[in-house]
Amino acid sequence: MRKFILPGLLVIALSSLFAGGALADGISSTLTLTNCGASGSACPGATYNFTASATSATLAITIGGVPGGNPLTSNNDTLTAVDLGFLPQNQFASLSPTVNVSFNGTTGTWAGSLDSLNNGNCTTNGGAFACATGAPIALLDGNTYTFTWNYTLTSQGAANLLTDTSVHIGANYGSANGLIVSETSPVPTPEPSSLMLLGAGTLALVVLAGVKGAK
């Protein structure tokens, strides 16, 4: 019976440890806002989910569903640009000029650049932000709008990514100027799920060692 138990425990241990490593190679964060981030501002209530790895980053914006959040109106029901800031300047080796966009079964692209966001959408800032802009997207309550950047990082950028403690999230809502989200969200380090999987892998190895010792 032991000859079947030992391989099984080994598989559990290795899969747990490798799963933990896969989750630990990037960062993630969630930010929920009732407005643009400042009292009295008119951006729609939304939830912003962010993930980044050594090769890509994704921002998913879900409109509505936020208690006390601003509703969509004719002044805030389009999205014209988004950006993410999660590394210091000059730590991207390259950034794809095409950002993948998806929502409500529709896919398309926006233009990507290493710029920051303002009323003019993406403008030069020295390469500290990944920005995207394109044809205005008409927003619908309850929909999720996803933007994915692809890039390569410098060796320093790859190292710094794993020690990030916060991320800047930006979104430009129109058609009125000034409806801009520009907020910082804390990043859990390490991710709780990574710790759980690492613990599970360690426990499996301990059990495996105990079984071997009892032979």
N, C-alpha and C. Protein backbone atom coordinates (compact mmCIF):
# COMPACT_ATOMS: atom_id res chain seq x y z
N MET A 1 0.83 -1.21 0.00
CA MET A 1 0.00 0.00 0.00
C MET A 1 0.86 1.26 0.00
N ARG A 2 2.01 1.20 0.74
CA ARG A 2 2.85 2.38 0.83
C ARG A 2 3.41 2.81 -0.52
N LYS A 3 3.65 1.82 -1.41
CA LYS A 3 4.23 2.18 -2.70
C LYS A 3 3.29 3.04 -3.52
N PHE A 4 1.98 3.00 -3.21
CA PHE A 4 1.03 3.87 -3.88
C PHE A 4 0.89 5.20 -3.16
N ILE A 5 1.00 5.18 -1.83
CA ILE A 5 0.86 6.41 -1.04
C ILE A 5 2.01 7.37 -1.30
N LEU A 6 3.25 6.83 -1.34
CA LEU A 6 4.41 7.70 -1.49
C LEU A 6 4.39 8.53 -2.77
N PRO A 7 4.16 7.92 -3.96
CA PRO A 7 4.09 8.76 -5.17
C PRO A 7 2.98 9.78 -5.12
N GLY A 8 1.84 9.37 -4.51
CA GLY A 8 0.71 10.30 -4.42
C GLY A 8 1.04 11.51 -3.59
N LEU A 9 1.69 11.29 -2.44
CA LEU A 9 2.07 12.41 -1.59
C LEU A 9 3.10 13.30 -2.28
N LEU A 10 4.01 12.67 -3.04
CA LEU A 10 5.02 13.45 -3.74
C LEU A 10 4.38 14.36 -4.79
N VAL A 11 3.40 13.83 -5.50
CA VAL A 11 2.70 14.63 -6.51
C VAL A 11 2.00 15.81 -5.85
N ILE A 12 1.33 15.56 -4.71
CA ILE A 12 0.64 16.64 -3.99
C ILE A 12 1.65 17.71 -3.57
N ALA A 13 2.77 17.28 -3.01
CA ALA A 13 3.77 18.23 -2.53
C ALA A 13 4.31 19.09 -3.65
N LEU A 14 4.70 18.45 -4.75
CA LEU A 14 5.29 19.19 -5.86
C LEU A 14 4.28 20.12 -6.51
N SER A 15 3.04 19.63 -6.69
CA SER A 15 2.05 20.47 -7.35
C SER A 15 1.71 21.67 -6.49
N SER A 16 1.67 21.49 -5.17
CA SER A 16 1.37 22.61 -4.27
C SER A 16 2.48 23.64 -4.30
N LEU A 17 3.72 23.16 -4.28
CA LEU A 17 4.83 24.10 -4.28
C LEU A 17 4.94 24.84 -5.58
N PHE A 18 4.75 24.15 -6.71
CA PHE A 18 4.83 24.82 -8.00
C PHE A 18 3.66 25.76 -8.20
N ALA A 19 2.47 25.39 -7.70
CA ALA A 19 1.32 26.29 -7.82
C ALA A 19 1.58 27.57 -7.05
N GLY A 20 2.18 27.44 -5.85
CA GLY A 20 2.49 28.62 -5.06
C GLY A 20 3.47 29.53 -5.77
N GLY A 21 4.48 28.92 -6.45
CA GLY A 21 5.44 29.72 -7.19
C GLY A 21 4.80 30.47 -8.33
N ALA A 22 3.83 29.83 -9.01
CA ALA A 22 3.17 30.48 -10.14
C ALA A 22 2.40 31.70 -9.68
N LEU A 23 1.75 31.61 -8.53
CA LEU A 23 0.99 32.74 -8.02
C LEU A 23 1.89 33.84 -7.49
N ALA A 24 3.10 33.45 -7.08
CA ALA A 24 3.99 34.42 -6.46
C ALA A 24 4.84 35.18 -7.47
N ASP A 25 4.64 34.95 -8.79
CA ASP A 25 5.49 35.62 -9.76
C ASP A 25 4.89 36.94 -10.24
N GLY A 26 3.87 37.43 -9.57
CA GLY A 26 3.26 38.70 -9.95
C GLY A 26 2.54 39.33 -8.77
N ILE A 27 1.77 40.37 -9.07
CA ILE A 27 1.02 41.08 -8.05
C ILE A 27 -0.41 41.28 -8.50
N SER A 28 -1.30 41.56 -7.54
CA SER A 28 -2.69 41.82 -7.87
C SER A 28 -3.27 42.78 -6.83
N SER A 29 -4.34 43.46 -7.21
CA SER A 29 -4.95 44.44 -6.33
C SER A 29 -6.37 44.72 -6.77
N THR A 30 -7.21 45.12 -5.83
CA THR A 30 -8.59 45.50 -6.14
C THR A 30 -8.91 46.82 -5.47
N LEU A 31 -9.50 47.73 -6.23
CA LEU A 31 -9.88 49.05 -5.72
C LEU A 31 -11.35 49.29 -6.05
N THR A 32 -12.15 49.65 -5.05
CA THR A 32 -13.56 49.96 -5.27
C THR A 32 -13.80 51.43 -4.94
N LEU A 33 -14.38 52.15 -5.90
CA LEU A 33 -14.63 53.57 -5.73
C LEU A 33 -16.09 53.90 -6.01
N THR A 34 -16.64 54.83 -5.24
CA THR A 34 -18.00 55.31 -5.50
C THR A 34 -18.00 56.46 -6.49
N ASN A 35 -16.81 57.03 -6.76
CA ASN A 35 -16.68 58.21 -7.64
C ASN A 35 -15.27 58.20 -8.23
N CYS A 36 -14.70 59.38 -8.49
CA CYS A 36 -13.34 59.45 -9.04
C CYS A 36 -12.27 59.23 -7.96
N GLY A 37 -12.69 59.16 -6.72
CA GLY A 37 -11.75 59.02 -5.61
C GLY A 37 -11.76 60.22 -4.69
N ALA A 38 -12.46 61.29 -5.09
CA ALA A 38 -12.57 62.49 -4.26
C ALA A 38 -14.04 62.81 -4.03
N SER A 39 -14.36 63.27 -2.84
CA SER A 39 -15.74 63.60 -2.51
C SER A 39 -16.31 64.61 -3.50
N GLY A 40 -17.52 64.32 -3.99
CA GLY A 40 -18.19 65.23 -4.91
C GLY A 40 -17.83 65.04 -6.36
N SER A 41 -16.86 64.15 -6.67
CA SER A 41 -16.48 63.92 -8.06
C SER A 41 -17.50 63.01 -8.74
N ALA A 42 -17.54 63.03 -10.07
CA ALA A 42 -18.68 62.47 -10.79
C ALA A 42 -18.40 61.21 -11.60
N CYS A 43 -17.25 60.57 -11.40
CA CYS A 43 -17.01 59.30 -12.09
C CYS A 43 -18.03 58.26 -11.60
N PRO A 44 -18.39 57.30 -12.44
CA PRO A 44 -19.33 56.28 -12.00
C PRO A 44 -18.72 55.37 -10.94
N GLY A 45 -19.55 54.84 -10.05
CA GLY A 45 -19.08 53.84 -9.10
C GLY A 45 -18.57 52.62 -9.85
N ALA A 46 -17.41 52.10 -9.46
CA ALA A 46 -16.82 51.00 -10.21
C ALA A 46 -15.81 50.25 -9.34
N THR A 47 -15.52 49.01 -9.77
CA THR A 47 -14.49 48.20 -9.13
C THR A 47 -13.37 47.97 -10.13
N TYR A 48 -12.13 48.18 -9.68
CA TYR A 48 -10.95 48.08 -10.54
C TYR A 48 -10.09 46.91 -10.06
N ASN A 49 -9.96 45.89 -10.90
CA ASN A 49 -9.14 44.72 -10.57
C ASN A 49 -7.88 44.73 -11.44
N PHE A 50 -6.75 44.56 -10.79
CA PHE A 50 -5.46 44.67 -11.46
C PHE A 50 -4.61 43.44 -11.19
N THR A 51 -3.95 42.92 -12.23
CA THR A 51 -2.94 41.88 -12.06
C THR A 51 -1.75 42.22 -12.95
N ALA A 52 -0.55 41.85 -12.52
CA ALA A 52 0.64 42.06 -13.35
C ALA A 52 1.63 40.94 -13.11
N SER A 53 2.25 40.48 -14.20
CA SER A 53 3.31 39.49 -14.13
C SER A 53 4.54 40.08 -14.81
N ALA A 54 5.55 39.25 -15.04
CA ALA A 54 6.76 39.73 -15.68
C ALA A 54 6.57 40.04 -17.16
N THR A 55 5.43 39.61 -17.74
CA THR A 55 5.24 39.80 -19.19
C THR A 55 3.96 40.54 -19.56
N SER A 56 3.00 40.67 -18.64
CA SER A 56 1.74 41.33 -18.99
C SER A 56 1.05 41.87 -17.76
N ALA A 57 0.16 42.84 -18.00
CA ALA A 57 -0.67 43.40 -16.92
C ALA A 57 -2.08 43.58 -17.45
N THR A 58 -3.05 43.39 -16.56
CA THR A 58 -4.46 43.51 -16.95
C THR A 58 -5.20 44.38 -15.95
N LEU A 59 -6.01 45.29 -16.47
CA LEU A 59 -6.92 46.10 -15.66
C LEU A 59 -8.34 45.79 -16.09
N ALA A 60 -9.16 45.33 -15.15
CA ALA A 60 -10.57 45.03 -15.43
C ALA A 60 -11.44 45.98 -14.62
N ILE A 61 -12.27 46.76 -15.31
CA ILE A 61 -13.12 47.76 -14.66
C ILE A 61 -14.56 47.30 -14.76
N THR A 62 -15.20 47.07 -13.61
CA THR A 62 -16.61 46.69 -13.58
C THR A 62 -17.43 47.89 -13.15
N ILE A 63 -18.33 48.31 -14.02
CA ILE A 63 -19.14 49.51 -13.76
C ILE A 63 -20.37 49.15 -12.93
N GLY A 64 -20.61 49.93 -11.87
CA GLY A 64 -21.79 49.74 -11.04
C GLY A 64 -21.59 48.67 -9.98
N GLY A 65 -22.67 48.40 -9.25
CA GLY A 65 -22.62 47.40 -8.19
C GLY A 65 -21.90 47.85 -6.95
N VAL A 66 -21.66 49.16 -6.82
CA VAL A 66 -20.96 49.71 -5.66
C VAL A 66 -21.97 50.47 -4.80
N PRO A 67 -22.23 50.03 -3.57
CA PRO A 67 -23.18 50.76 -2.72
C PRO A 67 -22.81 52.23 -2.58
N GLY A 68 -23.77 53.11 -2.85
CA GLY A 68 -23.52 54.54 -2.76
C GLY A 68 -22.76 55.12 -3.92
N GLY A 69 -22.49 54.30 -4.94
CA GLY A 69 -21.71 54.77 -6.08
C GLY A 69 -22.51 55.65 -7.03
N ASN A 70 -21.82 56.54 -7.72
CA ASN A 70 -22.47 57.38 -8.71
C ASN A 70 -23.03 56.52 -9.85
N PRO A 71 -24.21 56.85 -10.34
CA PRO A 71 -24.75 56.14 -11.50
C PRO A 71 -24.12 56.64 -12.79
N LEU A 72 -24.31 55.89 -13.87
CA LEU A 72 -23.91 56.37 -15.18
C LEU A 72 -24.83 57.51 -15.61
N THR A 73 -24.24 58.54 -16.20
CA THR A 73 -25.01 59.65 -16.75
C THR A 73 -24.43 59.98 -18.12
N SER A 74 -25.03 60.94 -18.80
CA SER A 74 -24.51 61.34 -20.11
C SER A 74 -23.14 62.01 -20.01
N ASN A 75 -22.73 62.38 -18.80
CA ASN A 75 -21.43 63.02 -18.61
C ASN A 75 -20.30 62.06 -18.24
N ASN A 76 -20.65 60.82 -17.85
CA ASN A 76 -19.60 59.91 -17.42
C ASN A 76 -19.74 58.50 -18.01
N ASP A 77 -20.48 58.37 -19.10
CA ASP A 77 -20.79 57.04 -19.62
C ASP A 77 -19.92 56.60 -20.78
N THR A 78 -18.74 57.20 -20.93
CA THR A 78 -17.76 56.71 -21.89
C THR A 78 -16.39 56.62 -21.22
N LEU A 79 -15.55 55.74 -21.75
CA LEU A 79 -14.19 55.56 -21.25
C LEU A 79 -13.25 55.84 -22.42
N THR A 80 -12.27 56.72 -22.21
CA THR A 80 -11.40 57.13 -23.31
C THR A 80 -9.93 56.74 -23.10
N ALA A 81 -9.53 56.45 -21.87
CA ALA A 81 -8.14 56.07 -21.62
C ALA A 81 -8.03 55.45 -20.23
N VAL A 82 -7.01 54.59 -20.06
CA VAL A 82 -6.71 53.98 -18.75
C VAL A 82 -5.19 53.93 -18.61
N ASP A 83 -4.71 53.86 -17.37
CA ASP A 83 -3.29 53.63 -17.16
C ASP A 83 -3.04 52.88 -15.86
N LEU A 84 -1.82 52.32 -15.76
CA LEU A 84 -1.38 51.59 -14.59
C LEU A 84 0.05 52.03 -14.26
N GLY A 85 0.31 52.21 -12.98
CA GLY A 85 1.67 52.53 -12.55
C GLY A 85 2.09 51.56 -11.46
N PHE A 86 3.04 50.69 -11.76
CA PHE A 86 3.45 49.70 -10.75
C PHE A 86 4.96 49.51 -10.71
N LEU A 87 5.72 50.33 -11.48
CA LEU A 87 7.17 50.26 -11.45
C LEU A 87 7.76 51.67 -11.52
N PRO A 88 8.98 51.86 -11.04
CA PRO A 88 9.64 53.15 -11.21
C PRO A 88 9.93 53.42 -12.70
N GLN A 89 10.37 54.60 -13.00
CA GLN A 89 10.69 54.98 -14.37
C GLN A 89 11.75 54.08 -14.99
N ASN A 90 11.61 53.87 -16.31
CA ASN A 90 12.62 53.20 -17.13
C ASN A 90 12.88 51.75 -16.73
N GLN A 91 11.87 51.05 -16.19
CA GLN A 91 12.04 49.65 -15.86
C GLN A 91 11.26 48.72 -16.79
N PHE A 92 10.65 49.31 -17.83
CA PHE A 92 10.12 48.53 -18.94
C PHE A 92 11.19 48.49 -20.03
N ALA A 93 11.57 47.30 -20.48
CA ALA A 93 12.49 47.20 -21.61
C ALA A 93 11.76 47.51 -22.91
N SER A 94 10.50 47.08 -23.00
CA SER A 94 9.67 47.38 -24.17
C SER A 94 8.21 47.20 -23.80
N LEU A 95 7.34 47.86 -24.56
CA LEU A 95 5.89 47.75 -24.35
C LEU A 95 5.23 47.62 -25.72
N SER A 96 4.33 46.64 -25.86
CA SER A 96 3.62 46.49 -27.12
C SER A 96 2.77 47.73 -27.39
N PRO A 97 2.78 48.23 -28.63
CA PRO A 97 1.95 49.40 -28.97
C PRO A 97 0.47 49.07 -29.08
N THR A 98 0.13 47.79 -28.94
CA THR A 98 -1.27 47.35 -29.03
C THR A 98 -1.74 46.81 -27.69
N VAL A 99 -2.82 47.36 -27.18
CA VAL A 99 -3.42 46.90 -25.92
C VAL A 99 -4.72 46.18 -26.26
N ASN A 100 -4.86 44.96 -25.78
CA ASN A 100 -6.08 44.19 -26.05
C ASN A 100 -7.22 44.66 -25.15
N VAL A 101 -8.38 44.85 -25.76
CA VAL A 101 -9.56 45.35 -25.06
C VAL A 101 -10.71 44.38 -25.27
N SER A 102 -11.43 44.07 -24.19
CA SER A 102 -12.60 43.20 -24.33
C SER A 102 -13.70 43.64 -23.38
N PHE A 103 -14.96 43.51 -23.85
CA PHE A 103 -16.12 43.83 -23.02
C PHE A 103 -17.38 43.32 -23.72
N ASN A 104 -18.27 42.76 -22.92
CA ASN A 104 -19.59 42.36 -23.41
C ASN A 104 -19.52 41.54 -24.70
N GLY A 105 -18.56 40.61 -24.76
CA GLY A 105 -18.42 39.78 -25.94
C GLY A 105 -17.70 40.43 -27.10
N THR A 106 -17.26 41.67 -26.94
CA THR A 106 -16.56 42.40 -27.99
C THR A 106 -15.07 42.44 -27.70
N THR A 107 -14.25 42.27 -28.72
CA THR A 107 -12.81 42.40 -28.56
C THR A 107 -12.29 43.46 -29.54
N GLY A 108 -11.22 44.11 -29.15
CA GLY A 108 -10.62 45.12 -30.00
C GLY A 108 -9.27 45.52 -29.45
N THR A 109 -8.75 46.65 -29.90
CA THR A 109 -7.46 47.12 -29.42
C THR A 109 -7.47 48.63 -29.21
N TRP A 110 -6.66 49.07 -28.29
CA TRP A 110 -6.32 50.48 -28.10
C TRP A 110 -4.82 50.62 -28.30
N ALA A 111 -4.36 51.86 -28.40
CA ALA A 111 -2.93 52.13 -28.54
C ALA A 111 -2.27 52.17 -27.17
N GLY A 112 -1.17 51.44 -27.01
CA GLY A 112 -0.45 51.43 -25.75
C GLY A 112 0.82 52.26 -25.81
N SER A 113 1.18 52.85 -24.69
CA SER A 113 2.40 53.66 -24.62
C SER A 113 2.83 53.79 -23.17
N LEU A 114 4.09 54.16 -22.97
CA LEU A 114 4.63 54.40 -21.63
C LEU A 114 4.43 55.86 -21.28
N ASP A 115 3.20 56.20 -20.97
CA ASP A 115 2.79 57.57 -20.69
C ASP A 115 1.85 57.60 -19.50
N SER A 116 1.53 58.79 -19.03
CA SER A 116 0.54 58.93 -17.96
C SER A 116 -0.75 59.52 -18.53
N LEU A 117 -1.78 59.52 -17.71
CA LEU A 117 -3.12 59.87 -18.16
C LEU A 117 -3.54 61.23 -17.61
N ASN A 118 -4.15 62.05 -18.50
CA ASN A 118 -4.78 63.29 -18.06
C ASN A 118 -5.94 63.59 -19.01
N ASN A 119 -6.42 64.83 -19.02
CA ASN A 119 -7.55 65.16 -19.89
C ASN A 119 -7.24 64.93 -21.37
N GLY A 120 -5.94 64.93 -21.71
CA GLY A 120 -5.55 64.65 -23.08
C GLY A 120 -5.29 63.18 -23.32
N ASN A 121 -5.75 62.36 -22.41
CA ASN A 121 -5.54 60.91 -22.42
C ASN A 121 -4.08 60.57 -22.13
N CYS A 122 -3.34 59.89 -22.99
CA CYS A 122 -1.98 59.47 -22.66
C CYS A 122 -0.96 60.51 -23.10
N THR A 123 -0.19 61.03 -22.14
CA THR A 123 0.83 62.03 -22.45
C THR A 123 2.16 61.61 -21.82
N THR A 124 3.24 62.07 -22.38
CA THR A 124 4.58 61.63 -21.99
C THR A 124 4.87 61.91 -20.52
N ASN A 125 5.47 60.90 -19.84
CA ASN A 125 5.84 61.11 -18.44
C ASN A 125 7.16 60.45 -18.07
N GLY A 126 7.90 59.95 -19.05
CA GLY A 126 9.20 59.37 -18.75
C GLY A 126 9.20 57.87 -18.57
N GLY A 127 8.10 57.22 -18.88
CA GLY A 127 8.09 55.76 -18.88
C GLY A 127 7.78 55.08 -17.58
N ALA A 128 7.04 55.71 -16.70
CA ALA A 128 6.70 55.08 -15.42
C ALA A 128 5.31 54.45 -15.42
N PHE A 129 4.47 54.76 -16.41
CA PHE A 129 3.11 54.25 -16.46
C PHE A 129 2.88 53.52 -17.79
N ALA A 130 2.08 52.45 -17.74
CA ALA A 130 1.58 51.82 -18.96
C ALA A 130 0.21 52.41 -19.23
N CYS A 131 0.05 53.06 -20.37
CA CYS A 131 -1.18 53.79 -20.69
C CYS A 131 -1.83 53.18 -21.93
N ALA A 132 -3.13 53.40 -22.09
CA ALA A 132 -3.85 52.93 -23.27
C ALA A 132 -4.97 53.90 -23.58
N THR A 133 -5.13 54.21 -24.86
CA THR A 133 -6.21 55.08 -25.29
C THR A 133 -6.70 54.65 -26.66
N GLY A 134 -7.94 54.99 -26.98
CA GLY A 134 -8.50 54.60 -28.27
C GLY A 134 -9.87 55.19 -28.46
N ALA A 135 -10.63 54.62 -29.39
CA ALA A 135 -11.99 55.08 -29.64
C ALA A 135 -12.80 54.98 -28.36
N PRO A 136 -13.54 56.03 -28.00
CA PRO A 136 -14.32 56.00 -26.75
C PRO A 136 -15.23 54.78 -26.67
N ILE A 137 -15.29 54.18 -25.50
CA ILE A 137 -16.14 53.01 -25.26
C ILE A 137 -17.37 53.45 -24.49
N ALA A 138 -18.55 53.15 -25.05
CA ALA A 138 -19.81 53.46 -24.35
C ALA A 138 -20.01 52.45 -23.23
N LEU A 139 -20.21 52.94 -22.02
CA LEU A 139 -20.30 52.08 -20.85
C LEU A 139 -21.74 51.66 -20.54
N LEU A 140 -21.87 50.44 -20.02
CA LEU A 140 -23.16 49.93 -19.57
C LEU A 140 -23.03 49.44 -18.14
N ASP A 141 -24.01 49.71 -17.33
CA ASP A 141 -23.99 49.29 -15.94
C ASP A 141 -23.91 47.77 -15.84
N GLY A 142 -23.02 47.27 -15.01
CA GLY A 142 -22.86 45.84 -14.80
C GLY A 142 -21.84 45.18 -15.71
N ASN A 143 -21.38 45.87 -16.73
CA ASN A 143 -20.38 45.31 -17.64
C ASN A 143 -18.96 45.47 -17.09
N THR A 144 -18.09 44.56 -17.53
CA THR A 144 -16.68 44.62 -17.18
C THR A 144 -15.85 44.91 -18.43
N TYR A 145 -14.93 45.86 -18.32
CA TYR A 145 -14.10 46.30 -19.44
C TYR A 145 -12.65 45.97 -19.10
N THR A 146 -12.04 45.13 -19.94
CA THR A 146 -10.72 44.57 -19.62
C THR A 146 -9.67 45.05 -20.61
N PHE A 147 -8.53 45.48 -20.07
CA PHE A 147 -7.43 46.01 -20.87
C PHE A 147 -6.15 45.24 -20.50
N THR A 148 -5.45 44.73 -21.51
CA THR A 148 -4.25 43.93 -21.26
C THR A 148 -3.06 44.47 -22.04
N TRP A 149 -2.01 44.82 -21.29
CA TRP A 149 -0.75 45.26 -21.86
C TRP A 149 0.23 44.08 -21.88
N ASN A 150 1.03 44.00 -22.94
CA ASN A 150 2.11 43.02 -23.02
C ASN A 150 3.44 43.76 -23.10
N TYR A 151 4.46 43.25 -22.40
CA TYR A 151 5.71 43.98 -22.31
C TYR A 151 6.85 43.05 -21.91
N THR A 152 8.06 43.57 -21.96
CA THR A 152 9.20 42.93 -21.31
C THR A 152 9.75 43.92 -20.30
N LEU A 153 10.27 43.40 -19.21
CA LEU A 153 10.83 44.24 -18.15
C LEU A 153 12.34 44.13 -18.13
N THR A 154 12.99 45.15 -17.64
CA THR A 154 14.42 45.03 -17.35
C THR A 154 14.59 44.07 -16.18
N SER A 155 15.81 43.61 -15.95
CA SER A 155 16.04 42.71 -14.82
C SER A 155 15.67 43.38 -13.50
N GLN A 156 15.94 44.69 -13.40
CA GLN A 156 15.57 45.42 -12.19
C GLN A 156 14.07 45.54 -12.07
N GLY A 157 13.39 45.74 -13.19
CA GLY A 157 11.93 45.83 -13.17
C GLY A 157 11.28 44.53 -12.73
N ALA A 158 11.82 43.40 -13.22
CA ALA A 158 11.28 42.10 -12.83
C ALA A 158 11.45 41.86 -11.33
N ALA A 159 12.58 42.29 -10.79
CA ALA A 159 12.82 42.14 -9.36
C ALA A 159 11.91 43.06 -8.55
N ASN A 160 11.77 44.29 -9.00
CA ASN A 160 10.95 45.25 -8.26
C ASN A 160 9.47 44.90 -8.28
N LEU A 161 9.02 44.25 -9.35
CA LEU A 161 7.61 43.88 -9.45
C LEU A 161 7.18 43.04 -8.25
N LEU A 162 8.04 42.13 -7.81
CA LEU A 162 7.68 41.22 -6.73
C LEU A 162 7.69 41.87 -5.36
N THR A 163 8.23 43.09 -5.27
CA THR A 163 8.26 43.77 -3.98
C THR A 163 7.35 44.99 -3.95
N ASP A 164 6.53 45.15 -4.99
CA ASP A 164 5.59 46.27 -5.03
C ASP A 164 4.62 46.22 -3.85
N THR A 165 4.36 47.36 -3.26
CA THR A 165 3.38 47.44 -2.18
C THR A 165 2.14 48.25 -2.57
N SER A 166 2.18 48.88 -3.75
CA SER A 166 1.02 49.65 -4.20
C SER A 166 1.05 49.77 -5.72
N VAL A 167 -0.12 50.09 -6.28
CA VAL A 167 -0.23 50.28 -7.73
C VAL A 167 -1.11 51.49 -7.99
N HIS A 168 -0.72 52.29 -8.96
CA HIS A 168 -1.55 53.42 -9.39
C HIS A 168 -2.53 52.93 -10.46
N ILE A 169 -3.80 53.28 -10.31
CA ILE A 169 -4.84 52.93 -11.27
C ILE A 169 -5.48 54.21 -11.78
N GLY A 170 -5.55 54.34 -13.12
CA GLY A 170 -6.12 55.55 -13.70
C GLY A 170 -7.16 55.22 -14.77
N ALA A 171 -8.19 56.06 -14.86
CA ALA A 171 -9.22 55.91 -15.90
C ALA A 171 -9.78 57.28 -16.22
N ASN A 172 -10.00 57.54 -17.51
CA ASN A 172 -10.52 58.82 -17.96
C ASN A 172 -11.93 58.61 -18.51
N TYR A 173 -12.91 59.18 -17.80
CA TYR A 173 -14.30 59.07 -18.21
C TYR A 173 -14.72 60.35 -18.93
N GLY A 174 -15.53 60.20 -19.96
CA GLY A 174 -16.01 61.37 -20.70
C GLY A 174 -17.52 61.34 -20.75
N SER A 175 -18.10 62.24 -21.45
CA SER A 175 -17.44 63.15 -22.38
C SER A 175 -16.93 64.43 -21.72
N ALA A 176 -17.21 64.64 -20.47
CA ALA A 176 -16.76 65.85 -19.76
C ALA A 176 -15.30 65.72 -19.35
N ASN A 177 -14.53 66.79 -19.48
CA ASN A 177 -13.16 66.79 -19.00
C ASN A 177 -13.12 66.77 -17.48
N GLY A 178 -12.06 66.21 -16.94
CA GLY A 178 -11.88 66.24 -15.49
C GLY A 178 -12.41 65.04 -14.76
N LEU A 179 -13.11 64.11 -15.44
CA LEU A 179 -13.62 62.91 -14.78
C LEU A 179 -12.56 61.82 -14.85
N ILE A 180 -11.55 61.97 -13.99
CA ILE A 180 -10.40 61.07 -14.04
C ILE A 180 -10.20 60.39 -12.69
N VAL A 181 -10.09 59.07 -12.73
CA VAL A 181 -9.66 58.30 -11.57
C VAL A 181 -8.14 58.28 -11.58
N SER A 182 -7.52 58.66 -10.48
CA SER A 182 -6.07 58.60 -10.33
C SER A 182 -5.78 58.25 -8.88
N GLU A 183 -5.84 56.96 -8.60
CA GLU A 183 -5.77 56.49 -7.22
C GLU A 183 -4.70 55.41 -7.05
N THR A 184 -4.23 55.25 -5.83
CA THR A 184 -3.26 54.22 -5.49
C THR A 184 -3.93 53.17 -4.63
N SER A 185 -3.71 51.91 -5.00
CA SER A 185 -4.29 50.79 -4.25
C SER A 185 -3.17 49.96 -3.66
N PRO A 186 -3.27 49.56 -2.37
CA PRO A 186 -2.23 48.71 -1.77
C PRO A 186 -2.22 47.32 -2.39
N VAL A 187 -1.05 46.71 -2.43
CA VAL A 187 -0.88 45.36 -2.97
C VAL A 187 -0.47 44.43 -1.85
N PRO A 188 -1.23 43.36 -1.58
CA PRO A 188 -0.81 42.39 -0.55
C PRO A 188 0.48 41.71 -0.99
N THR A 189 1.45 41.59 -0.08
CA THR A 189 2.72 40.93 -0.39
C THR A 189 3.14 40.06 0.79
N PRO A 190 3.29 38.74 0.59
CA PRO A 190 2.90 38.02 -0.61
C PRO A 190 1.41 37.78 -0.64
N GLU A 191 0.89 37.25 -1.77
CA GLU A 191 -0.52 36.96 -1.86
C GLU A 191 -0.90 35.87 -0.87
N PRO A 192 -2.04 36.02 -0.14
CA PRO A 192 -2.44 34.99 0.83
C PRO A 192 -2.55 33.62 0.21
N SER A 193 -3.03 33.53 -1.03
CA SER A 193 -3.17 32.22 -1.67
C SER A 193 -1.82 31.56 -1.87
N SER A 194 -0.79 32.36 -2.12
CA SER A 194 0.54 31.81 -2.29
C SER A 194 1.03 31.18 -0.99
N LEU A 195 0.78 31.88 0.13
CA LEU A 195 1.19 31.34 1.43
C LEU A 195 0.46 30.05 1.74
N MET A 196 -0.84 29.98 1.43
CA MET A 196 -1.61 28.77 1.70
C MET A 196 -1.08 27.59 0.90
N LEU A 197 -0.78 27.83 -0.38
CA LEU A 197 -0.29 26.75 -1.22
C LEU A 197 1.11 26.32 -0.79
N LEU A 198 1.95 27.30 -0.41
CA LEU A 198 3.27 26.95 0.07
C LEU A 198 3.18 26.11 1.34
N GLY A 199 2.26 26.49 2.24
CA GLY A 199 2.07 25.73 3.46
C GLY A 199 1.59 24.31 3.18
N ALA A 200 0.66 24.19 2.21
CA ALA A 200 0.16 22.86 1.85
C ALA A 200 1.27 22.00 1.29
N GLY A 201 2.14 22.60 0.46
CA GLY A 201 3.25 21.84 -0.09
C GLY A 201 4.22 21.40 0.98
N THR A 202 4.51 22.29 1.92
CA THR A 202 5.43 21.95 3.01
C THR A 202 4.86 20.83 3.87
N LEU A 203 3.56 20.92 4.18
CA LEU A 203 2.92 19.88 4.99
C LEU A 203 2.99 18.52 4.30
N ALA A 204 2.75 18.52 3.00
CA ALA A 204 2.81 17.26 2.26
C ALA A 204 4.20 16.66 2.31
N LEU A 205 5.23 17.51 2.22
CA LEU A 205 6.60 17.00 2.29
C LEU A 205 6.91 16.43 3.67
N VAL A 206 6.39 17.08 4.73
CA VAL A 206 6.59 16.57 6.08
C VAL A 206 5.95 15.20 6.24
N VAL A 207 4.72 15.06 5.75
CA VAL A 207 4.04 13.76 5.82
C VAL A 207 4.80 12.71 5.04
N LEU A 208 5.31 13.11 3.87
CA LEU A 208 6.07 12.18 3.04
C LEU A 208 7.31 11.70 3.79
N ALA A 209 8.00 12.63 4.44
CA ALA A 209 9.19 12.25 5.19
C ALA A 209 8.85 11.30 6.33
N GLY A 210 7.69 11.53 6.98
CA GLY A 210 7.28 10.67 8.07
C GLY A 210 6.97 9.26 7.60
N VAL A 211 6.33 9.15 6.44
CA VAL A 211 6.01 7.82 5.90
C VAL A 211 7.28 7.07 5.56
N LYS A 212 8.25 7.80 4.95
CA LYS A 212 9.53 7.15 4.62
C LYS A 212 10.24 6.65 5.88
N GLY A 213 10.19 7.49 6.95
CA GLY A 213 10.87 7.11 8.19
C GLY A 213 10.25 5.91 8.88
N ALA A 214 8.97 5.66 8.62
CA ALA A 214 8.26 4.56 9.28
C ALA A 214 8.49 3.24 8.58
N LYS A 215 9.15 3.27 7.40
CA LYS A 215 9.37 2.03 6.65
C LYS A 215 10.33 1.09 7.38
